[in-house]
Protein backbone atom coordinates (compact mmCIF):
# COMPACT_ATOMS: atom_id res chain seq x y z
CA UNK A 1 0.00 0.00 0.00
CA UNK A 2 1.36 3.40 -0.91
CA UNK A 3 0.17 6.77 0.32
CA UNK A 4 -1.80 7.05 -2.90
CA UNK A 5 -3.76 3.85 -2.30
CA UNK A 6 -5.92 5.15 0.51
CA UNK A 7 -8.33 8.01 0.74
CA UNK A 8 -7.21 11.36 2.05
CA UNK A 9 -10.65 12.88 1.51
CA UNK A 10 -10.99 13.54 5.23
CA UNK A 11 -8.54 14.00 8.05
CA UNK A 12 -9.74 10.71 9.58
CA UNK A 13 -9.21 8.85 6.30
CA UNK A 14 -5.70 10.26 5.98
CA UNK A 15 -4.68 9.52 9.58
CA UNK A 16 -6.09 5.99 9.52
CA UNK A 17 -4.66 5.33 6.06
CA UNK A 18 -1.17 6.44 7.01
CA UNK A 19 -1.28 4.37 10.21
CA UNK A 20 -2.46 1.29 8.31
CA UNK A 21 0.36 1.79 5.82
CA UNK A 22 2.96 1.86 8.60
CA UNK A 23 1.42 -1.24 10.18
CA UNK A 24 1.61 -3.05 6.83
CA UNK A 25 5.23 -1.93 6.32
CA UNK A 26 6.23 -3.36 9.69
CA UNK A 27 4.48 -6.66 8.98
CA UNK A 28 6.07 -6.84 5.53
CA UNK A 29 9.54 -6.65 7.13
CA UNK A 30 8.95 -9.91 9.04
CA UNK A 31 7.40 -11.81 6.13
CA UNK A 32 9.45 -14.84 5.15
CA UNK A 33 11.87 -14.50 8.06
CA UNK A 34 12.46 -17.57 10.22
CA UNK A 35 11.74 -17.33 13.92
CA UNK A 36 15.44 -17.82 14.61
CA UNK A 37 16.45 -14.94 12.33
CA UNK A 38 13.61 -12.77 13.65
CA UNK A 39 15.07 -13.14 17.17
CA UNK A 40 18.59 -12.14 16.05
CA UNK A 41 20.04 -8.74 16.90
CA UNK A 42 22.41 -8.26 13.94
CA UNK A 43 23.28 -4.61 14.55
CA UNK A 44 24.89 -2.78 17.47
CA UNK A 45 21.36 -2.18 18.71
CA UNK A 46 19.64 -4.72 20.96
CA UNK A 47 16.61 -4.67 18.64
CA UNK A 48 15.35 -7.68 16.72
CA UNK A 49 12.58 -7.95 14.13
CA UNK A 50 10.51 -10.04 16.52
CA UNK A 51 11.15 -7.67 19.41
CA UNK A 52 9.98 -4.73 17.32
CA UNK A 53 6.85 -6.62 16.28
CA UNK A 54 6.09 -7.68 19.87
CA UNK A 55 6.61 -4.14 21.20
CA UNK A 56 4.45 -2.65 18.45
CA UNK A 57 1.65 -5.16 19.07
CA UNK A 58 1.66 -4.53 22.82
CA UNK A 59 1.59 -0.76 22.40
CA UNK A 60 -1.09 -0.94 19.69
CA UNK A 61 -3.22 -2.62 22.35
CA UNK A 62 -2.19 -0.24 25.11
CA UNK A 63 -2.67 3.03 23.23
CA UNK A 64 -6.08 2.25 21.78
CA UNK A 65 -7.67 -0.10 24.30
CA UNK A 66 -6.18 1.12 27.58
CA UNK A 67 -5.39 4.77 26.92
CA UNK A 68 -8.00 5.82 24.32
CA UNK A 69 -10.89 3.53 25.32
CA UNK A 70 -10.04 3.50 29.04
CA UNK A 71 -10.27 -0.28 29.32
CA UNK A 72 -8.60 -2.25 32.08
CA UNK A 73 -6.90 -5.39 30.86
CA UNK A 74 -6.01 -7.70 33.78
CA UNK A 75 -2.26 -8.30 34.02
CA UNK A 76 -1.61 -5.73 31.31
CA UNK A 77 0.23 -2.43 31.52
CA UNK A 78 0.14 -0.39 33.67
CA UNK A 79 -0.74 -2.99 36.33
CA UNK A 80 2.42 -5.11 36.50
CA UNK A 81 5.23 -3.55 38.46
CA UNK A 82 8.03 -4.37 36.05
CA UNK A 83 10.92 -2.01 36.67
CA UNK A 84 12.33 -2.19 33.14
CA UNK A 85 9.04 -2.57 31.22
CA UNK A 86 10.39 -0.52 28.32
CA UNK A 87 13.04 -3.15 27.60
CA UNK A 88 10.78 -6.06 28.53
CA UNK A 89 8.44 -5.29 25.62
CA UNK A 90 11.31 -5.93 23.18
CA UNK A 91 12.57 -9.16 24.80
CA UNK A 92 11.77 -12.38 22.99
CA UNK A 93 12.51 -16.00 23.69
CA UNK A 94 12.16 -19.38 22.03
CA UNK A 95 8.42 -19.36 22.76
CA UNK A 96 7.91 -16.18 20.68
CA UNK A 97 7.20 -16.69 16.99
CA UNK A 98 6.69 -14.43 14.00
CA UNK A 99 3.34 -16.09 13.31
CA UNK A 100 2.15 -15.58 16.90
CA UNK A 101 3.13 -11.91 17.17
CA UNK A 102 2.04 -11.01 13.62
CA UNK A 103 -1.41 -12.48 14.33
CA UNK A 104 -1.60 -10.66 17.67
CA UNK A 105 -0.54 -7.38 16.03
CA UNK A 106 -3.18 -7.75 13.31
CA UNK A 107 -5.82 -8.64 15.93
CA UNK A 108 -4.96 -5.57 18.01
CA UNK A 109 -5.00 -3.32 14.92
CA UNK A 110 -8.49 -4.61 14.06
CA UNK A 111 -9.71 -3.79 17.58
CA UNK A 112 -8.06 -0.37 17.31
CA UNK A 113 -9.93 0.30 14.06
CA UNK A 114 -13.23 -0.53 15.80
CA UNK A 115 -12.42 1.86 18.65
CA UNK A 116 -11.37 4.61 16.23
CA UNK A 117 -14.53 4.23 14.15
CA UNK A 118 -16.71 4.99 17.15
CA UNK A 119 -14.96 8.15 18.30
CA UNK A 120 -14.54 11.71 17.10
CA UNK A 121 -10.95 12.81 16.51
CA UNK A 122 -11.46 15.33 19.32
CA UNK A 123 -12.56 12.63 21.80
CA UNK A 124 -10.37 12.80 24.90
CA UNK A 125 -8.45 9.72 25.98
CA UNK A 126 -10.36 7.55 28.42
CA UNK A 127 -7.40 7.06 30.72
CA UNK A 128 -7.74 9.75 33.42
CA UNK A 129 -4.10 10.84 33.48
CA UNK A 130 -4.10 11.36 29.70
CA UNK A 131 -7.47 13.06 29.22
CA UNK A 132 -5.65 16.15 27.95
CA UNK A 133 -4.82 14.12 24.81
CA UNK A 134 -7.36 13.09 22.21
CA UNK A 135 -7.79 10.46 19.50
CA UNK A 136 -6.16 12.72 16.89
CA UNK A 137 -3.02 13.02 19.07
CA UNK A 138 -2.89 9.24 19.58
CA UNK A 139 -3.26 8.57 15.84
CA UNK A 140 -0.44 10.98 15.05
CA UNK A 141 1.71 9.45 17.80
CA UNK A 142 1.05 5.92 16.54
CA UNK A 143 1.91 6.89 12.96
CA UNK A 144 5.19 8.32 14.27
CA UNK A 145 6.03 5.31 16.46
CA UNK A 146 4.99 2.63 13.98
CA UNK A 147 6.95 4.35 11.19
CA UNK A 148 10.01 4.58 13.45
CA UNK A 149 9.85 0.87 14.23
CA UNK A 150 9.20 -0.05 10.59
CA UNK A 151 12.39 1.89 9.76
CA UNK A 152 14.31 0.00 12.44
CA UNK A 153 12.92 -3.24 11.00
CA UNK A 154 14.00 -2.21 7.50
CA UNK A 155 17.62 -1.82 8.65
CA UNK A 156 17.57 -5.09 10.59
CA UNK A 157 16.03 -6.99 7.66
CA UNK A 158 18.63 -5.61 5.26
CA UNK A 159 21.37 -6.65 7.68
CA UNK A 160 19.90 -10.16 7.96
CA UNK A 161 19.35 -11.02 4.30
CA UNK A 162 19.90 -7.96 2.10
CA UNK A 163 16.19 -7.34 1.60
CA UNK A 164 15.54 -3.62 1.13
CA UNK A 165 12.64 -1.25 0.72
CA UNK A 166 9.31 -0.77 2.39
CA UNK A 167 7.16 -1.57 -0.64
């Protein structure tokens, strides 16, 4: 999907289209990669393709379900008292697979789309400490973050097997 393959007729269409494009770019970077290679950290960074996908899936859920919709998900952020939760989201082990995390990411994105469809862009976040932010802000933030991680994934994928490009 390129920027020209989705509607920009409205601000909502443009924001949702650009976010979906970044989601697709990230997923495309893990396509055809073995679980073993997806766990590798081939650059000086501690990032792996699978870690990026896991982190993105978890925060897709957190931003739209917990922060925007104000839902409480038992055992989910911000409940657990994990001191280094920022790093924990990127950690993967033998039990983590590309198939598992890609499916979870797509499932969370579908739920996010449902939440987005029912709210005005000006709707404040449902989480009390972030009510000064609205859906528009979250969409812009998620475009920024997902694009950043898709770029990280692009570099890691090129390092792993020479595959280049987002399209």
